[in-house]
Amino acid sequence: MFEKNLNIAYLLDFYGDVLPERKRTVMEYYYQDDLSLAEIAEEIGISRQGVRDMIKKSEEELFFYEEKLHLAERFSQAKQHADRALALCKEQNASPELVESIERLLEHMQ
């Protein structure tokens, strides 16, 4: 069975624009729109196996980009640190300006 790796959807947010348009479209159909392989095949005019192969190759590309650049990992770590900083600021009754700045930062990270 061909199972979805939800980490791929996360990587697609970071590196999707680097994929060729056709691959990106297939990945978006599969991971964001939740279309089946058969539905995607019909939509773009290739075989179901062709769709599956394209998804696997695209996933490999996304993992390659993350292995080299680590953007998703760094973003995740930065968000964790910002969440922790906000919690500490609230715990220590930090200045409202500092709390507001961290909250705005976290809003931009959504």
N, C-alpha and C. Protein backbone atom coordinates (compact mmCIF):
# COMPACT_ATOMS: atom_id res chain seq x y z
N MET A 1 0.84 -1.19 0.00
CA MET A 1 0.00 0.00 0.00
C MET A 1 0.88 1.25 0.00
N PHE A 2 0.48 2.22 -0.73
CA PHE A 2 1.17 3.50 -0.87
C PHE A 2 0.63 4.43 0.20
N GLU A 3 1.42 4.68 1.25
CA GLU A 3 0.95 5.50 2.36
C GLU A 3 1.55 6.89 2.31
N LYS A 4 0.78 7.85 2.76
CA LYS A 4 1.24 9.23 2.76
C LYS A 4 2.13 9.49 3.97
N ASN A 5 3.22 10.17 3.72
CA ASN A 5 4.11 10.62 4.77
C ASN A 5 3.80 12.10 4.98
N LEU A 6 3.21 12.43 6.11
CA LEU A 6 2.78 13.81 6.33
C LEU A 6 3.94 14.78 6.45
N ASN A 7 5.13 14.26 6.73
CA ASN A 7 6.32 15.10 6.74
C ASN A 7 6.57 15.68 5.35
N ILE A 8 6.17 14.94 4.32
CA ILE A 8 6.34 15.42 2.94
C ILE A 8 5.51 16.68 2.71
N ALA A 9 4.30 16.71 3.24
CA ALA A 9 3.45 17.90 3.08
C ALA A 9 4.14 19.12 3.70
N TYR A 10 4.80 18.90 4.82
CA TYR A 10 5.54 19.98 5.49
C TYR A 10 6.71 20.43 4.61
N LEU A 11 7.45 19.48 4.06
CA LEU A 11 8.58 19.82 3.19
C LEU A 11 8.10 20.50 1.92
N LEU A 12 6.93 20.11 1.45
CA LEU A 12 6.36 20.72 0.25
C LEU A 12 6.11 22.21 0.47
N ASP A 13 5.75 22.59 1.69
CA ASP A 13 5.58 24.01 2.00
C ASP A 13 6.89 24.78 1.84
N PHE A 14 8.00 24.16 2.17
CA PHE A 14 9.30 24.82 2.10
C PHE A 14 9.92 24.78 0.71
N TYR A 15 9.82 23.64 0.05
CA TYR A 15 10.57 23.43 -1.18
C TYR A 15 9.70 23.22 -2.42
N GLY A 16 8.40 23.29 -2.28
CA GLY A 16 7.51 23.02 -3.40
C GLY A 16 7.77 23.90 -4.61
N ASP A 17 8.14 25.15 -4.37
CA ASP A 17 8.37 26.07 -5.49
C ASP A 17 9.62 25.72 -6.29
N VAL A 18 10.49 24.86 -5.76
CA VAL A 18 11.69 24.47 -6.50
C VAL A 18 11.41 23.31 -7.44
N LEU A 19 10.34 22.59 -7.17
CA LEU A 19 9.96 21.48 -8.04
C LEU A 19 9.44 22.00 -9.37
N PRO A 20 9.65 21.27 -10.45
CA PRO A 20 9.03 21.65 -11.72
C PRO A 20 7.50 21.72 -11.53
N GLU A 21 6.86 22.56 -12.31
CA GLU A 21 5.43 22.84 -12.13
C GLU A 21 4.57 21.56 -12.13
N ARG A 22 4.85 20.67 -13.04
CA ARG A 22 4.04 19.44 -13.13
C ARG A 22 4.18 18.59 -11.87
N LYS A 23 5.41 18.44 -11.39
CA LYS A 23 5.62 17.67 -10.16
C LYS A 23 4.96 18.36 -8.96
N ARG A 24 5.12 19.66 -8.89
CA ARG A 24 4.51 20.41 -7.78
C ARG A 24 3.00 20.26 -7.80
N THR A 25 2.41 20.32 -8.98
CA THR A 25 0.96 20.17 -9.10
C THR A 25 0.51 18.80 -8.62
N VAL A 26 1.21 17.77 -9.03
CA VAL A 26 0.87 16.41 -8.62
C VAL A 26 0.99 16.28 -7.10
N MET A 27 2.05 16.82 -6.55
CA MET A 27 2.25 16.74 -5.09
C MET A 27 1.16 17.50 -4.34
N GLU A 28 0.78 18.65 -4.86
CA GLU A 28 -0.30 19.42 -4.21
C GLU A 28 -1.63 18.67 -4.30
N TYR A 29 -1.90 18.08 -5.45
CA TYR A 29 -3.12 17.28 -5.58
C TYR A 29 -3.14 16.16 -4.54
N TYR A 30 -2.01 15.51 -4.40
CA TYR A 30 -1.94 14.33 -3.52
C TYR A 30 -1.91 14.71 -2.04
N TYR A 31 -1.07 15.67 -1.67
CA TYR A 31 -0.88 15.98 -0.26
C TYR A 31 -1.80 17.07 0.28
N GLN A 32 -2.15 18.03 -0.54
CA GLN A 32 -2.99 19.12 -0.05
C GLN A 32 -4.47 18.94 -0.39
N ASP A 33 -4.73 18.47 -1.61
CA ASP A 33 -6.12 18.29 -2.02
C ASP A 33 -6.63 16.89 -1.72
N ASP A 34 -5.74 15.99 -1.31
CA ASP A 34 -6.07 14.62 -0.92
C ASP A 34 -6.74 13.82 -2.04
N LEU A 35 -6.29 14.05 -3.28
CA LEU A 35 -6.81 13.27 -4.41
C LEU A 35 -6.11 11.92 -4.45
N SER A 36 -6.80 10.91 -4.94
CA SER A 36 -6.21 9.58 -5.08
C SER A 36 -5.29 9.57 -6.31
N LEU A 37 -4.49 8.52 -6.40
CA LEU A 37 -3.62 8.37 -7.56
C LEU A 37 -4.43 8.32 -8.85
N ALA A 38 -5.54 7.60 -8.82
CA ALA A 38 -6.40 7.48 -10.00
C ALA A 38 -6.99 8.84 -10.38
N GLU A 39 -7.42 9.61 -9.40
CA GLU A 39 -7.98 10.93 -9.69
C GLU A 39 -6.94 11.86 -10.30
N ILE A 40 -5.73 11.81 -9.76
CA ILE A 40 -4.65 12.64 -10.30
C ILE A 40 -4.30 12.20 -11.72
N ALA A 41 -4.23 10.89 -11.92
CA ALA A 41 -3.91 10.36 -13.25
C ALA A 41 -4.92 10.86 -14.29
N GLU A 42 -6.17 10.82 -13.93
CA GLU A 42 -7.22 11.29 -14.84
C GLU A 42 -7.09 12.79 -15.09
N GLU A 43 -6.79 13.52 -14.04
CA GLU A 43 -6.69 14.98 -14.12
C GLU A 43 -5.55 15.44 -15.03
N ILE A 44 -4.39 14.77 -14.93
CA ILE A 44 -3.24 15.24 -15.70
C ILE A 44 -2.95 14.40 -16.94
N GLY A 45 -3.68 13.30 -17.10
CA GLY A 45 -3.58 12.52 -18.33
C GLY A 45 -2.40 11.57 -18.41
N ILE A 46 -2.03 10.97 -17.27
CA ILE A 46 -1.02 9.92 -17.30
C ILE A 46 -1.55 8.72 -16.51
N SER A 47 -0.79 7.64 -16.52
CA SER A 47 -1.25 6.44 -15.81
C SER A 47 -1.13 6.61 -14.30
N ARG A 48 -1.84 5.77 -13.59
CA ARG A 48 -1.79 5.76 -12.14
C ARG A 48 -0.35 5.47 -11.68
N GLN A 49 0.31 4.53 -12.36
CA GLN A 49 1.69 4.19 -12.04
C GLN A 49 2.61 5.38 -12.31
N GLY A 50 2.33 6.13 -13.36
CA GLY A 50 3.10 7.33 -13.66
C GLY A 50 2.98 8.36 -12.55
N VAL A 51 1.79 8.50 -12.01
CA VAL A 51 1.57 9.42 -10.90
C VAL A 51 2.36 8.95 -9.68
N ARG A 52 2.27 7.67 -9.38
CA ARG A 52 2.97 7.12 -8.23
C ARG A 52 4.48 7.34 -8.36
N ASP A 53 5.02 7.07 -9.54
CA ASP A 53 6.45 7.27 -9.78
C ASP A 53 6.84 8.74 -9.61
N MET A 54 6.00 9.63 -10.12
CA MET A 54 6.28 11.06 -10.02
C MET A 54 6.27 11.51 -8.55
N ILE A 55 5.34 10.99 -7.78
CA ILE A 55 5.27 11.33 -6.36
C ILE A 55 6.52 10.84 -5.64
N LYS A 56 6.92 9.60 -5.90
CA LYS A 56 8.11 9.04 -5.24
C LYS A 56 9.36 9.85 -5.60
N LYS A 57 9.52 10.21 -6.86
CA LYS A 57 10.69 10.99 -7.27
C LYS A 57 10.66 12.39 -6.66
N SER A 58 9.47 12.97 -6.59
CA SER A 58 9.33 14.30 -5.99
C SER A 58 9.64 14.25 -4.50
N GLU A 59 9.19 13.20 -3.83
CA GLU A 59 9.49 13.04 -2.41
C GLU A 59 11.00 12.95 -2.20
N GLU A 60 11.67 12.19 -3.05
CA GLU A 60 13.13 12.07 -2.95
C GLU A 60 13.80 13.43 -3.12
N GLU A 61 13.29 14.23 -4.05
CA GLU A 61 13.84 15.58 -4.26
C GLU A 61 13.64 16.43 -3.01
N LEU A 62 12.45 16.38 -2.43
CA LEU A 62 12.17 17.18 -1.24
C LEU A 62 13.08 16.78 -0.08
N PHE A 63 13.28 15.48 0.11
CA PHE A 63 14.19 15.01 1.15
C PHE A 63 15.63 15.46 0.86
N PHE A 64 16.01 15.45 -0.40
CA PHE A 64 17.35 15.90 -0.79
C PHE A 64 17.54 17.37 -0.41
N TYR A 65 16.56 18.21 -0.76
CA TYR A 65 16.67 19.63 -0.44
C TYR A 65 16.77 19.84 1.06
N GLU A 66 15.97 19.13 1.82
CA GLU A 66 16.00 19.29 3.28
C GLU A 66 17.33 18.79 3.84
N GLU A 67 17.84 17.71 3.30
CA GLU A 67 19.12 17.18 3.76
C GLU A 67 20.24 18.20 3.55
N LYS A 68 20.17 18.93 2.46
CA LYS A 68 21.22 19.90 2.13
C LYS A 68 21.00 21.25 2.82
N LEU A 69 19.75 21.70 2.91
CA LEU A 69 19.47 23.06 3.37
C LEU A 69 18.94 23.15 4.81
N HIS A 70 18.24 22.14 5.25
CA HIS A 70 17.69 22.08 6.62
C HIS A 70 16.74 23.24 6.95
N LEU A 71 16.06 23.78 5.96
CA LEU A 71 15.16 24.91 6.22
C LEU A 71 13.98 24.53 7.11
N ALA A 72 13.36 23.40 6.84
CA ALA A 72 12.20 22.98 7.63
C ALA A 72 12.61 22.69 9.07
N GLU A 73 13.74 22.04 9.24
CA GLU A 73 14.24 21.73 10.58
C GLU A 73 14.55 23.01 11.36
N ARG A 74 15.23 23.94 10.72
CA ARG A 74 15.58 25.20 11.38
C ARG A 74 14.34 26.01 11.73
N PHE A 75 13.37 26.02 10.82
CA PHE A 75 12.13 26.74 11.09
C PHE A 75 11.42 26.14 12.29
N SER A 76 11.35 24.83 12.34
CA SER A 76 10.69 24.14 13.44
C SER A 76 11.39 24.45 14.77
N GLN A 77 12.70 24.44 14.77
CA GLN A 77 13.45 24.76 15.98
C GLN A 77 13.24 26.21 16.40
N ALA A 78 13.25 27.12 15.44
CA ALA A 78 13.03 28.53 15.75
C ALA A 78 11.65 28.74 16.37
N LYS A 79 10.65 28.05 15.83
CA LYS A 79 9.29 28.17 16.37
C LYS A 79 9.24 27.63 17.80
N GLN A 80 9.89 26.51 18.05
CA GLN A 80 9.92 25.96 19.41
C GLN A 80 10.57 26.94 20.38
N HIS A 81 11.66 27.57 19.97
CA HIS A 81 12.34 28.53 20.83
C HIS A 81 11.47 29.77 21.07
N ALA A 82 10.79 30.22 20.05
CA ALA A 82 9.90 31.38 20.20
C ALA A 82 8.73 31.04 21.13
N ASP A 83 8.17 29.84 20.99
CA ASP A 83 7.10 29.40 21.89
C ASP A 83 7.59 29.38 23.34
N ARG A 84 8.79 28.84 23.52
CA ARG A 84 9.37 28.76 24.88
C ARG A 84 9.64 30.15 25.43
N ALA A 85 10.17 31.05 24.59
CA ALA A 85 10.45 32.42 25.04
C ALA A 85 9.16 33.12 25.45
N LEU A 86 8.10 32.92 24.70
CA LEU A 86 6.81 33.53 25.04
C LEU A 86 6.30 33.00 26.37
N ALA A 87 6.39 31.70 26.56
CA ALA A 87 5.95 31.10 27.82
C ALA A 87 6.74 31.65 28.99
N LEU A 88 8.05 31.77 28.84
CA LEU A 88 8.90 32.31 29.91
C LEU A 88 8.58 33.77 30.20
N CYS A 89 8.34 34.54 29.14
CA CYS A 89 8.00 35.96 29.32
C CYS A 89 6.70 36.11 30.10
N LYS A 90 5.72 35.30 29.76
CA LYS A 90 4.44 35.38 30.46
C LYS A 90 4.59 34.91 31.91
N GLU A 91 5.41 33.88 32.11
CA GLU A 91 5.65 33.34 33.44
C GLU A 91 6.35 34.36 34.33
N GLN A 92 7.27 35.11 33.75
CA GLN A 92 8.08 36.07 34.50
C GLN A 92 7.50 37.48 34.46
N ASN A 93 6.28 37.62 33.94
CA ASN A 93 5.63 38.93 33.82
C ASN A 93 6.53 39.95 33.10
N ALA A 94 7.04 39.54 31.97
CA ALA A 94 7.90 40.42 31.17
C ALA A 94 7.08 41.59 30.64
N SER A 95 7.77 42.55 30.10
CA SER A 95 7.09 43.74 29.59
C SER A 95 6.08 43.36 28.51
N PRO A 96 4.96 44.07 28.49
CA PRO A 96 3.94 43.78 27.46
C PRO A 96 4.48 43.94 26.04
N GLU A 97 5.42 44.86 25.84
CA GLU A 97 6.00 45.07 24.53
C GLU A 97 6.77 43.83 24.06
N LEU A 98 7.51 43.22 24.99
CA LEU A 98 8.26 42.01 24.65
C LEU A 98 7.33 40.86 24.31
N VAL A 99 6.31 40.68 25.13
CA VAL A 99 5.33 39.62 24.90
C VAL A 99 4.65 39.83 23.55
N GLU A 100 4.26 41.07 23.27
CA GLU A 100 3.60 41.39 22.00
C GLU A 100 4.52 41.12 20.81
N SER A 101 5.80 41.45 20.95
CA SER A 101 6.75 41.22 19.86
C SER A 101 6.90 39.73 19.57
N ILE A 102 6.99 38.92 20.60
CA ILE A 102 7.12 37.48 20.41
C ILE A 102 5.84 36.91 19.81
N GLU A 103 4.70 37.40 20.27
CA GLU A 103 3.42 36.93 19.71
C GLU A 103 3.32 37.28 18.23
N ARG A 104 3.76 38.47 17.84
CA ARG A 104 3.75 38.85 16.42
C ARG A 104 4.69 37.97 15.61
N LEU A 105 5.85 37.67 16.18
CA LEU A 105 6.79 36.77 15.52
C LEU A 105 6.14 35.41 15.28
N LEU A 106 5.48 34.88 16.29
CA LEU A 106 4.83 33.58 16.16
C LEU A 106 3.68 33.63 15.14
N GLU A 107 2.97 34.74 15.06
CA GLU A 107 1.90 34.88 14.06
C GLU A 107 2.48 34.76 12.65
N HIS A 108 3.64 35.35 12.44
CA HIS A 108 4.29 35.30 11.12
C HIS A 108 4.82 33.90 10.80
N MET A 109 4.98 33.10 11.83
CA MET A 109 5.50 31.74 11.63
C MET A 109 4.39 30.74 11.36
N GLN A 110 3.15 31.17 11.37
CA GLN A 110 2.02 30.26 11.13
C GLN A 110 1.92 29.90 9.69
